[in-house]
Amino acid sequence: AGNRRLQETRWDVVVLDRMLPGQVDGIGILEQMRARGDG
């Protein structure tokens, strides 16, 4: 859900928990953000 919200809206800052339930943890979200150029 966090990953979807990141792509739907522009954010000024993100506070991201390192260990999240499900298939994507905090590191995974971060890596996907940077891979798609989200700074």
PDB file of all heavy atoms in Angstrom:
ATOM      1  N   ALA A   1       0.829  -1.206   0.000  1.00  0.00           N
ATOM      2  CA  ALA A   1       0.000   0.000   0.000  1.00  0.00           C
ATOM      3  C   ALA A   1       0.865   1.258   0.000  1.00  0.00           C
ATOM      4  O   ALA A   1       0.556   2.245  -0.676  1.00  0.00           O
ATOM      5  CB  ALA A   1      -0.929  -0.005   1.214  1.00  0.00           C
ATOM      6  N   GLY A   2       1.958   1.219   0.751  1.00  0.00           N
ATOM      7  CA  GLY A   2       2.859   2.365   0.781  1.00  0.00           C
ATOM      8  C   GLY A   2       3.471   2.653  -0.573  1.00  0.00           C
ATOM      9  O   GLY A   2       3.580   3.811  -0.998  1.00  0.00           O
ATOM     10  N   ASN A   3       3.858   1.605  -1.269  1.00  0.00           N
ATOM     11  CA  ASN A   3       4.453   1.766  -2.591  1.00  0.00           C
ATOM     12  C   ASN A   3       3.463   2.386  -3.570  1.00  0.00           C
ATOM     13  O   ASN A   3       3.818   3.256  -4.380  1.00  0.00           O
ATOM     14  CB  ASN A   3       4.929   0.409  -3.108  1.00  0.00           C
ATOM     15  CG  ASN A   3       6.225   0.499  -3.870  1.00  0.00           C
ATOM     16  OD1 ASN A   3       6.782   1.576  -4.051  1.00  0.00           O
ATOM     17  ND2 ASN A   3       6.714  -0.625  -4.336  1.00  0.00           N
ATOM     18  N   ARG A   4       2.205   1.944  -3.510  1.00  0.00           N
ATOM     19  CA  ARG A   4       1.181   2.527  -4.389  1.00  0.00           C
ATOM     20  C   ARG A   4       0.990   4.004  -4.078  1.00  0.00           C
ATOM     21  O   ARG A   4       0.904   4.830  -4.998  1.00  0.00           O
ATOM     22  CB  ARG A   4      -0.142   1.777  -4.228  1.00  0.00           C
ATOM     23  CG  ARG A   4      -0.178   0.403  -4.868  1.00  0.00           C
ATOM     24  CD  ARG A   4      -1.591  -0.120  -4.973  1.00  0.00           C
ATOM     25  NE  ARG A   4      -2.218  -0.259  -3.669  1.00  0.00           N
ATOM     26  CZ  ARG A   4      -2.136  -1.350  -2.912  1.00  0.00           C
ATOM     27  NH1 ARG A   4      -1.452  -2.394  -3.350  1.00  0.00           N
ATOM     28  NH2 ARG A   4      -2.748  -1.411  -1.742  1.00  0.00           N
ATOM     29  N   ARG A   5       0.910   4.336  -2.788  1.00  0.00           N
ATOM     30  CA  ARG A   5       0.689   5.733  -2.416  1.00  0.00           C
ATOM     31  C   ARG A   5       1.849   6.621  -2.847  1.00  0.00           C
ATOM     32  O   ARG A   5       1.649   7.774  -3.250  1.00  0.00           O
ATOM     33  CB  ARG A   5       0.486   5.828  -0.900  1.00  0.00           C
ATOM     34  CG  ARG A   5       0.119   7.218  -0.396  1.00  0.00           C
ATOM     35  CD  ARG A   5      -1.243   7.651  -0.912  1.00  0.00           C
ATOM     36  NE  ARG A   5      -2.301   6.921  -0.256  1.00  0.00           N
ATOM     37  CZ  ARG A   5      -2.933   7.338   0.842  1.00  0.00           C
ATOM     38  NH1 ARG A   5      -2.594   8.491   1.409  1.00  0.00           N
ATOM     39  NH2 ARG A   5      -3.899   6.625   1.370  1.00  0.00           N
ATOM     40  N   LEU A   6       3.054   6.092  -2.801  1.00  0.00           N
ATOM     41  CA  LEU A   6       4.225   6.850  -3.234  1.00  0.00           C
ATOM     42  C   LEU A   6       4.136   7.234  -4.701  1.00  0.00           C
ATOM     43  O   LEU A   6       4.614   8.295  -5.108  1.00  0.00           O
ATOM     44  CB  LEU A   6       5.493   6.035  -2.989  1.00  0.00           C
ATOM     45  CG  LEU A   6       6.009   6.002  -1.554  1.00  0.00           C
ATOM     46  CD1 LEU A   6       7.034   4.889  -1.393  1.00  0.00           C
ATOM     47  CD2 LEU A   6       6.615   7.343  -1.169  1.00  0.00           C
ATOM     48  N   GLN A   7       3.534   6.372  -5.503  1.00  0.00           N
ATOM     49  CA  GLN A   7       3.462   6.626  -6.939  1.00  0.00           C
ATOM     50  C   GLN A   7       2.243   7.457  -7.324  1.00  0.00           C
ATOM     51  O   GLN A   7       2.180   7.975  -8.432  1.00  0.00           O
ATOM     52  CB  GLN A   7       3.449   5.298  -7.695  1.00  0.00           C
ATOM     53  CG  GLN A   7       4.738   4.509  -7.516  1.00  0.00           C
ATOM     54  CD  GLN A   7       4.720   3.191  -8.254  1.00  0.00           C
ATOM     55  OE1 GLN A   7       4.713   3.132  -9.487  1.00  0.00           O
ATOM     56  NE2 GLN A   7       4.707   2.096  -7.501  1.00  0.00           N
ATOM     57  N   GLU A   8       1.295   7.593  -6.417  1.00  0.00           N
ATOM     58  CA  GLU A   8       0.073   8.335  -6.711  1.00  0.00           C
ATOM     59  C   GLU A   8       0.174   9.811  -6.353  1.00  0.00           C
ATOM     60  O   GLU A   8      -0.531  10.635  -6.931  1.00  0.00           O
ATOM     61  CB  GLU A   8      -1.108   7.730  -5.943  1.00  0.00           C
ATOM     62  CG  GLU A   8      -1.492   6.341  -6.403  1.00  0.00           C
ATOM     63  CD  GLU A   8      -2.497   5.681  -5.474  1.00  0.00           C
ATOM     64  OE1 GLU A   8      -2.801   6.262  -4.403  1.00  0.00           O
ATOM     65  OE2 GLU A   8      -2.976   4.584  -5.812  1.00  0.00           O
ATOM     66  N   THR A   9       1.034  10.144  -5.411  1.00  0.00           N
ATOM     67  CA  THR A   9       1.072  11.498  -4.851  1.00  0.00           C
ATOM     68  C   THR A   9       2.510  11.962  -4.695  1.00  0.00           C
ATOM     69  O   THR A   9       3.408  11.151  -4.468  1.00  0.00           O
ATOM     70  CB  THR A   9       0.385  11.517  -3.462  1.00  0.00           C
ATOM     71  OG1 THR A   9      -0.921  10.970  -3.577  1.00  0.00           O
ATOM     72  CG2 THR A   9       0.302  12.936  -2.899  1.00  0.00           C
ATOM     73  N   ARG A  10       2.720  13.253  -4.822  1.00  0.00           N
ATOM     74  CA  ARG A  10       4.038  13.825  -4.545  1.00  0.00           C
ATOM     75  C   ARG A  10       4.157  14.100  -3.053  1.00  0.00           C
ATOM     76  O   ARG A  10       3.256  14.677  -2.448  1.00  0.00           O
ATOM     77  CB  ARG A  10       4.228  15.136  -5.305  1.00  0.00           C
ATOM     78  CG  ARG A  10       5.653  15.688  -5.195  1.00  0.00           C
ATOM     79  CD  ARG A  10       5.715  17.123  -5.635  1.00  0.00           C
ATOM     80  NE  ARG A  10       5.077  17.995  -4.650  1.00  0.00           N
ATOM     81  CZ  ARG A  10       4.903  19.302  -4.804  1.00  0.00           C
ATOM     82  NH1 ARG A  10       5.276  19.886  -5.898  1.00  0.00           N
ATOM     83  NH2 ARG A  10       4.313  20.019  -3.865  1.00  0.00           N
ATOM     84  N   TRP A  11       5.272  13.685  -2.470  1.00  0.00           N
ATOM     85  CA  TRP A  11       5.500  13.861  -1.040  1.00  0.00           C
ATOM     86  C   TRP A  11       6.732  14.729  -0.808  1.00  0.00           C
ATOM     87  O   TRP A  11       7.684  14.689  -1.584  1.00  0.00           O
ATOM     88  CB  TRP A  11       5.690  12.498  -0.362  1.00  0.00           C
ATOM     89  CG  TRP A  11       4.527  11.597  -0.595  1.00  0.00           C
ATOM     90  CD1 TRP A  11       4.412  10.638  -1.564  1.00  0.00           C
ATOM     91  CD2 TRP A  11       3.286  11.602   0.096  1.00  0.00           C
ATOM     92  NE1 TRP A  11       3.177  10.042  -1.503  1.00  0.00           N
ATOM     93  CE2 TRP A  11       2.461  10.613  -0.486  1.00  0.00           C
ATOM     94  CE3 TRP A  11       2.785  12.340   1.180  1.00  0.00           C
ATOM     95  CZ2 TRP A  11       1.173  10.347  -0.042  1.00  0.00           C
ATOM     96  CZ3 TRP A  11       1.493  12.075   1.628  1.00  0.00           C
ATOM     97  CH2 TRP A  11       0.708  11.092   1.018  1.00  0.00           C
ATOM     98  N   ASP A  12       6.700  15.491   0.278  1.00  0.00           N
ATOM     99  CA  ASP A  12       7.861  16.286   0.651  1.00  0.00           C
ATOM    100  C   ASP A  12       8.868  15.450   1.433  1.00  0.00           C
ATOM    101  O   ASP A  12      10.066  15.692   1.357  1.00  0.00           O
ATOM    102  CB  ASP A  12       7.431  17.495   1.479  1.00  0.00           C
ATOM    103  CG  ASP A  12       6.597  18.462   0.661  1.00  0.00           C
ATOM    104  OD1 ASP A  12       7.117  18.986  -0.335  1.00  0.00           O
ATOM    105  OD2 ASP A  12       5.419  18.668   1.002  1.00  0.00           O
ATOM    106  N   VAL A  13       8.367  14.475   2.179  1.00  0.00           N
ATOM    107  CA  VAL A  13       9.240  13.616   2.984  1.00  0.00           C
ATOM    108  C   VAL A  13       8.481  12.340   3.335  1.00  0.00           C
ATOM    109  O   VAL A  13       7.253  12.341   3.437  1.00  0.00           O
ATOM    110  CB  VAL A  13       9.705  14.364   4.266  1.00  0.00           C
ATOM    111  CG1 VAL A  13       8.538  14.659   5.175  1.00  0.00           C
ATOM    112  CG2 VAL A  13      10.801  13.596   4.993  1.00  0.00           C
ATOM    113  N   VAL A  14       9.228  11.243   3.504  1.00  0.00           N
ATOM    114  CA  VAL A  14       8.636   9.950   3.850  1.00  0.00           C
ATOM    115  C   VAL A  14       9.308   9.425   5.110  1.00  0.00           C
ATOM    116  O   VAL A  14      10.540   9.437   5.213  1.00  0.00           O
ATOM    117  CB  VAL A  14       8.817   8.926   2.707  1.00  0.00           C
ATOM    118  CG1 VAL A  14       8.276   7.556   3.116  1.00  0.00           C
ATOM    119  CG2 VAL A  14       8.146   9.416   1.432  1.00  0.00           C
ATOM    120  N   VAL A  15       8.494   8.973   6.076  1.00  0.00           N
ATOM    121  CA  VAL A  15       8.998   8.275   7.256  1.00  0.00           C
ATOM    122  C   VAL A  15       8.665   6.800   7.047  1.00  0.00           C
ATOM    123  O   VAL A  15       7.491   6.425   6.972  1.00  0.00           O
ATOM    124  CB  VAL A  15       8.368   8.806   8.555  1.00  0.00           C
ATOM    125  CG1 VAL A  15       8.883   8.015   9.752  1.00  0.00           C
ATOM    126  CG2 VAL A  15       8.675  10.289   8.724  1.00  0.00           C
ATOM    127  N   LEU A  16       9.695   5.975   6.943  1.00  0.00           N
ATOM    128  CA  LEU A  16       9.540   4.595   6.475  1.00  0.00           C
ATOM    129  C   LEU A  16      10.057   3.596   7.500  1.00  0.00           C
ATOM    130  O   LEU A  16      11.230   3.637   7.888  1.00  0.00           O
ATOM    131  CB  LEU A  16      10.301   4.437   5.150  1.00  0.00           C
ATOM    132  CG  LEU A  16      10.376   3.052   4.529  1.00  0.00           C
ATOM    133  CD1 LEU A  16       8.994   2.565   4.135  1.00  0.00           C
ATOM    134  CD2 LEU A  16      11.295   3.097   3.298  1.00  0.00           C
ATOM    135  N   ASP A  17       9.178   2.694   7.937  1.00  0.00           N
ATOM    136  CA  ASP A  17       9.592   1.636   8.851  1.00  0.00           C
ATOM    137  C   ASP A  17      10.458   0.627   8.098  1.00  0.00           C
ATOM    138  O   ASP A  17      10.142   0.235   6.980  1.00  0.00           O
ATOM    139  CB  ASP A  17       8.344   0.948   9.420  1.00  0.00           C
ATOM    140  CG  ASP A  17       8.678  -0.105  10.463  1.00  0.00           C
ATOM    141  OD1 ASP A  17       9.750  -0.007  11.084  1.00  0.00           O
ATOM    142  OD2 ASP A  17       7.861  -1.020  10.652  1.00  0.00           O
ATOM    143  N   ARG A  18      11.538   0.219   8.724  1.00  0.00           N
ATOM    144  CA  ARG A  18      12.466  -0.733   8.089  1.00  0.00           C
ATOM    145  C   ARG A  18      11.848  -2.105   7.912  1.00  0.00           C
ATOM    146  O   ARG A  18      12.000  -2.735   6.857  1.00  0.00           O
ATOM    147  CB  ARG A  18      13.736  -0.809   8.950  1.00  0.00           C
ATOM    148  CG  ARG A  18      14.657  -1.978   8.661  1.00  0.00           C
ATOM    149  CD  ARG A  18      15.312  -1.864   7.300  1.00  0.00           C
ATOM    150  NE  ARG A  18      16.253  -2.948   7.097  1.00  0.00           N
ATOM    151  CZ  ARG A  18      15.911  -4.182   6.693  1.00  0.00           C
ATOM    152  NH1 ARG A  18      14.646  -4.472   6.452  1.00  0.00           N
ATOM    153  NH2 ARG A  18      16.839  -5.096   6.527  1.00  0.00           N
ATOM    154  N   MET A  19      11.128  -2.604   8.923  1.00  0.00           N
ATOM    155  CA  MET A  19      10.561  -3.954   8.869  1.00  0.00           C
ATOM    156  C   MET A  19       9.047  -3.867   8.752  1.00  0.00           C
ATOM    157  O   MET A  19       8.370  -3.457   9.691  1.00  0.00           O
ATOM    158  CB  MET A  19      10.969  -4.744  10.106  1.00  0.00           C
ATOM    159  CG  MET A  19      12.467  -5.011  10.168  1.00  0.00           C
ATOM    160  SD  MET A  19      12.961  -6.051  11.567  1.00  0.00           S
ATOM    161  CE  MET A  19      12.686  -4.912  12.919  1.00  0.00           C
ATOM    162  N   LEU A  20       8.528  -4.254   7.592  1.00  0.00           N
ATOM    163  CA  LEU A  20       7.101  -4.182   7.310  1.00  0.00           C
ATOM    164  C   LEU A  20       6.573  -5.567   6.962  1.00  0.00           C
ATOM    165  O   LEU A  20       7.306  -6.390   6.409  1.00  0.00           O
ATOM    166  CB  LEU A  20       6.830  -3.227   6.137  1.00  0.00           C
ATOM    167  CG  LEU A  20       7.108  -1.747   6.374  1.00  0.00           C
ATOM    168  CD1 LEU A  20       7.119  -0.994   5.055  1.00  0.00           C
ATOM    169  CD2 LEU A  20       6.062  -1.153   7.319  1.00  0.00           C
ATOM    170  N   PRO A  21       5.299  -5.841   7.262  1.00  0.00           N
ATOM    171  CA  PRO A  21       4.724  -7.127   6.882  1.00  0.00           C
ATOM    172  C   PRO A  21       4.474  -7.199   5.380  1.00  0.00           C
ATOM    173  O   PRO A  21       4.402  -6.176   4.700  1.00  0.00           O
ATOM    174  CB  PRO A  21       3.402  -7.153   7.654  1.00  0.00           C
ATOM    175  CG  PRO A  21       3.035  -5.702   7.793  1.00  0.00           C
ATOM    176  CD  PRO A  21       4.348  -4.975   7.965  1.00  0.00           C
ATOM    177  N   GLY A  22       4.356  -8.402   4.852  1.00  0.00           N
ATOM    178  CA  GLY A  22       4.082  -8.567   3.438  1.00  0.00           C
ATOM    179  C   GLY A  22       5.339  -8.832   2.641  1.00  0.00           C
ATOM    180  O   GLY A  22       6.416  -9.116   3.181  1.00  0.00           O
ATOM    181  N   GLN A  23       5.225  -8.719   1.344  1.00  0.00           N
ATOM    182  CA  GLN A  23       6.309  -9.084   0.440  1.00  0.00           C
ATOM    183  C   GLN A  23       7.343  -7.981   0.260  1.00  0.00           C
ATOM    184  O   GLN A  23       8.433  -8.230  -0.233  1.00  0.00           O
ATOM    185  CB  GLN A  23       5.732  -9.482  -0.924  1.00  0.00           C
ATOM    186  CG  GLN A  23       4.826 -10.717  -0.869  1.00  0.00           C
ATOM    187  CD  GLN A  23       4.289 -11.092  -2.227  1.00  0.00           C
ATOM    188  OE1 GLN A  23       4.328 -10.298  -3.157  1.00  0.00           O
ATOM    189  NE2 GLN A  23       3.782 -12.312  -2.335  1.00  0.00           N
ATOM    190  N   VAL A  24       6.985  -6.747   0.619  1.00  0.00           N
ATOM    191  CA  VAL A  24       7.893  -5.615   0.409  1.00  0.00           C
ATOM    192  C   VAL A  24       8.194  -4.956   1.752  1.00  0.00           C
ATOM    193  O   VAL A  24       7.295  -4.428   2.405  1.00  0.00           O
ATOM    194  CB  VAL A  24       7.290  -4.571  -0.557  1.00  0.00           C
ATOM    195  CG1 VAL A  24       8.297  -3.466  -0.843  1.00  0.00           C
ATOM    196  CG2 VAL A  24       6.838  -5.227  -1.855  1.00  0.00           C
ATOM    197  N   ASP A  25       9.456  -4.986   2.178  1.00  0.00           N
ATOM    198  CA  ASP A  25       9.820  -4.312   3.419  1.00  0.00           C
ATOM    199  C   ASP A  25      10.329  -2.907   3.117  1.00  0.00           C
ATOM    200  O   ASP A  25      10.279  -2.435   1.974  1.00  0.00           O
ATOM    201  CB  ASP A  25      10.854  -5.128   4.197  1.00  0.00           C
ATOM    202  CG  ASP A  25      12.206  -5.206   3.484  1.00  0.00           C
ATOM    203  OD1 ASP A  25      12.334  -4.676   2.362  1.00  0.00           O
ATOM    204  OD2 ASP A  25      13.140  -5.806   4.051  1.00  0.00           O
ATOM    205  N   GLY A  26      10.811  -2.221   4.149  1.00  0.00           N
ATOM    206  CA  GLY A  26      11.244  -0.843   3.955  1.00  0.00           C
ATOM    207  C   GLY A  26      12.383  -0.700   2.968  1.00  0.00           C
ATOM    208  O   GLY A  26      12.389   0.212   2.130  1.00  0.00           O
ATOM    209  N   ILE A  27      13.354  -1.596   3.033  1.00  0.00           N
ATOM    210  CA  ILE A  27      14.467  -1.542   2.091  1.00  0.00           C
ATOM    211  C   ILE A  27      13.973  -1.774   0.666  1.00  0.00           C
ATOM    212  O   ILE A  27      14.413  -1.109  -0.276  1.00  0.00           O
ATOM    213  CB  ILE A  27      15.544  -2.589   2.459  1.00  0.00           C
ATOM    214  CG1 ILE A  27      16.197  -2.240   3.806  1.00  0.00           C
ATOM    215  CG2 ILE A  27      16.613  -2.674   1.368  1.00  0.00           C
ATOM    216  CD1 ILE A  27      17.002  -0.964   3.811  1.00  0.00           C
ATOM    217  N   GLY A  28      13.035  -2.702   0.504  1.00  0.00           N
ATOM    218  CA  GLY A  28      12.482  -2.959  -0.824  1.00  0.00           C
ATOM    219  C   GLY A  28      11.774  -1.747  -1.400  1.00  0.00           C
ATOM    220  O   GLY A  28      11.920  -1.419  -2.579  1.00  0.00           O
ATOM    221  N   ILE A  29      10.985  -1.066  -0.565  1.00  0.00           N
ATOM    222  CA  ILE A  29      10.307   0.156  -1.010  1.00  0.00           C
ATOM    223  C   ILE A  29      11.330   1.197  -1.442  1.00  0.00           C
ATOM    224  O   ILE A  29      11.207   1.836  -2.492  1.00  0.00           O
ATOM    225  CB  ILE A  29       9.428   0.724   0.117  1.00  0.00           C
ATOM    226  CG1 ILE A  29       8.212  -0.164   0.337  1.00  0.00           C
ATOM    227  CG2 ILE A  29       8.982   2.151  -0.205  1.00  0.00           C
ATOM    228  CD1 ILE A  29       7.330   0.298   1.470  1.00  0.00           C
ATOM    229  N   LEU A  30      12.343   1.379  -0.628  1.00  0.00           N
ATOM    230  CA  LEU A  30      13.376   2.375  -0.904  1.00  0.00           C
ATOM    231  C   LEU A  30      14.091   2.071  -2.216  1.00  0.00           C
ATOM    232  O   LEU A  30      14.317   2.973  -3.045  1.00  0.00           O
ATOM    233  CB  LEU A  30      14.355   2.393   0.260  1.00  0.00           C
ATOM    234  CG  LEU A  30      15.359   3.531   0.356  1.00  0.00           C
ATOM    235  CD1 LEU A  30      14.671   4.878   0.282  1.00  0.00           C
ATOM    236  CD2 LEU A  30      16.132   3.397   1.663  1.00  0.00           C
ATOM    237  N   GLU A  31      14.455   0.823  -2.420  1.00  0.00           N
ATOM    238  CA  GLU A  31      15.151   0.441  -3.652  1.00  0.00           C
ATOM    239  C   GLU A  31      14.274   0.672  -4.870  1.00  0.00           C
ATOM    240  O   GLU A  31      14.755   1.130  -5.915  1.00  0.00           O
ATOM    241  CB  GLU A  31      15.592  -1.019  -3.561  1.00  0.00           C
ATOM    242  CG  GLU A  31      16.722  -1.244  -2.568  1.00  0.00           C
ATOM    243  CD  GLU A  31      17.057  -2.709  -2.373  1.00  0.00           C
ATOM    244  OE1 GLU A  31      16.214  -3.573  -2.709  1.00  0.00           O
ATOM    245  OE2 GLU A  31      18.169  -3.007  -1.885  1.00  0.00           O
ATOM    246  N   GLN A  32      12.980   0.380  -4.755  1.00  0.00           N
ATOM    247  CA  GLN A  32      12.076   0.612  -5.878  1.00  0.00           C
ATOM    248  C   GLN A  32      11.890   2.100  -6.157  1.00  0.00           C
ATOM    249  O   GLN A  32      11.807   2.516  -7.317  1.00  0.00           O
ATOM    250  CB  GLN A  32      10.726  -0.052  -5.611  1.00  0.00           C
ATOM    251  CG  GLN A  32      10.776  -1.577  -5.637  1.00  0.00           C
ATOM    252  CD  GLN A  32       9.433  -2.211  -5.359  1.00  0.00           C
ATOM    253  OE1 GLN A  32       8.416  -1.768  -5.865  1.00  0.00           O
ATOM    254  NE2 GLN A  32       9.427  -3.261  -4.542  1.00  0.00           N
ATOM    255  N   MET A  33      11.810   2.903  -5.102  1.00  0.00           N
ATOM    256  CA  MET A  33      11.706   4.350  -5.276  1.00  0.00           C
ATOM    257  C   MET A  33      12.889   4.884  -6.065  1.00  0.00           C
ATOM    258  O   MET A  33      12.727   5.619  -7.050  1.00  0.00           O
ATOM    259  CB  MET A  33      11.676   5.051  -3.906  1.00  0.00           C
ATOM    260  CG  MET A  33      10.397   4.941  -3.138  1.00  0.00           C
ATOM    261  SD  MET A  33      10.528   5.769  -1.524  1.00  0.00           S
ATOM    262  CE  MET A  33      10.720   7.496  -2.014  1.00  0.00           C
ATOM    263  N   ARG A  34      14.094   4.534  -5.632  1.00  0.00           N
ATOM    264  CA  ARG A  34      15.284   5.071  -6.284  1.00  0.00           C
ATOM    265  C   ARG A  34      15.446   4.520  -7.696  1.00  0.00           C
ATOM    266  O   ARG A  34      15.911   5.234  -8.593  1.00  0.00           O
ATOM    267  CB  ARG A  34      16.531   4.761  -5.449  1.00  0.00           C
ATOM    268  CG  ARG A  34      16.516   5.328  -4.023  1.00  0.00           C
ATOM    269  CD  ARG A  34      15.976   6.749  -3.934  1.00  0.00           C
ATOM    270  NE  ARG A  34      16.132   7.322  -2.606  1.00  0.00           N
ATOM    271  CZ  ARG A  34      15.298   8.198  -2.075  1.00  0.00           C
ATOM    272  NH1 ARG A  34      14.236   8.613  -2.762  1.00  0.00           N
ATOM    273  NH2 ARG A  34      15.513   8.685  -0.862  1.00  0.00           N
ATOM    274  N   ALA A  35      15.015   3.273  -7.924  1.00  0.00           N
ATOM    275  CA  ALA A  35      15.129   2.687  -9.263  1.00  0.00           C
ATOM    276  C   ALA A  35      14.253   3.413 -10.270  1.00  0.00           C
ATOM    277  O   ALA A  35      14.613   3.522 -11.450  1.00  0.00           O
ATOM    278  CB  ALA A  35      14.757   1.205  -9.222  1.00  0.00           C
ATOM    279  N   ARG A  36      13.113   3.926  -9.818  1.00  0.00           N
ATOM    280  CA  ARG A  36      12.250   4.649 -10.754  1.00  0.00           C
ATOM    281  C   ARG A  36      12.527   6.153 -10.742  1.00  0.00           C
ATOM    282  O   ARG A  36      11.790   6.941 -11.328  1.00  0.00           O
ATOM    283  CB  ARG A  36      10.774   4.371 -10.461  1.00  0.00           C
ATOM    284  CG  ARG A  36      10.260   4.795  -9.111  1.00  0.00           C
ATOM    285  CD  ARG A  36       8.756   4.513  -8.991  1.00  0.00           C
ATOM    286  NE  ARG A  36       8.277   4.834  -7.662  1.00  0.00           N
ATOM    287  CZ  ARG A  36       8.042   3.946  -6.710  1.00  0.00           C
ATOM    288  NH1 ARG A  36       8.236   2.665  -6.950  1.00  0.00           N
ATOM    289  NH2 ARG A  36       7.604   4.326  -5.523  1.00  0.00           N
ATOM    290  N   GLY A  37      13.606   6.562 -10.060  1.00  0.00           N
ATOM    291  CA  GLY A  37      14.030   7.954 -10.087  1.00  0.00           C
ATOM    292  C   GLY A  37      13.334   8.852  -9.096  1.00  0.00           C
ATOM    293  O   GLY A  37      13.424  10.078  -9.191  1.00  0.00           O
ATOM    294  N   ASP A  38      12.637   8.289  -8.128  1.00  0.00           N
ATOM    295  CA  ASP A  38      11.946   9.079  -7.112  1.00  0.00           C
ATOM    296  C   ASP A  38      12.955   9.508  -6.050  1.00  0.00           C
ATOM    297  O   ASP A  38      13.462   8.695  -5.289  1.00  0.00           O
ATOM    298  CB  ASP A  38      10.830   8.240  -6.485  1.00  0.00           C
ATOM    299  CG  ASP A  38       9.979   9.031  -5.492  1.00  0.00           C
ATOM    300  OD1 ASP A  38      10.404  10.133  -5.080  1.00  0.00           O
ATOM    301  OD2 ASP A  38       8.887   8.545  -5.137  1.00  0.00           O
ATOM    302  N   GLY A  39      13.237  10.805  -6.002  1.00  0.00           N
ATOM    303  CA  GLY A  39      14.231  11.322  -5.077  1.00  0.00           C
ATOM    304  C   GLY A  39      13.670  11.889  -3.795  1.00  0.00           C
ATOM    305  O   GLY A  39      14.374  12.605  -3.076  1.00  0.00           O
TER     306      GLY A  39
END
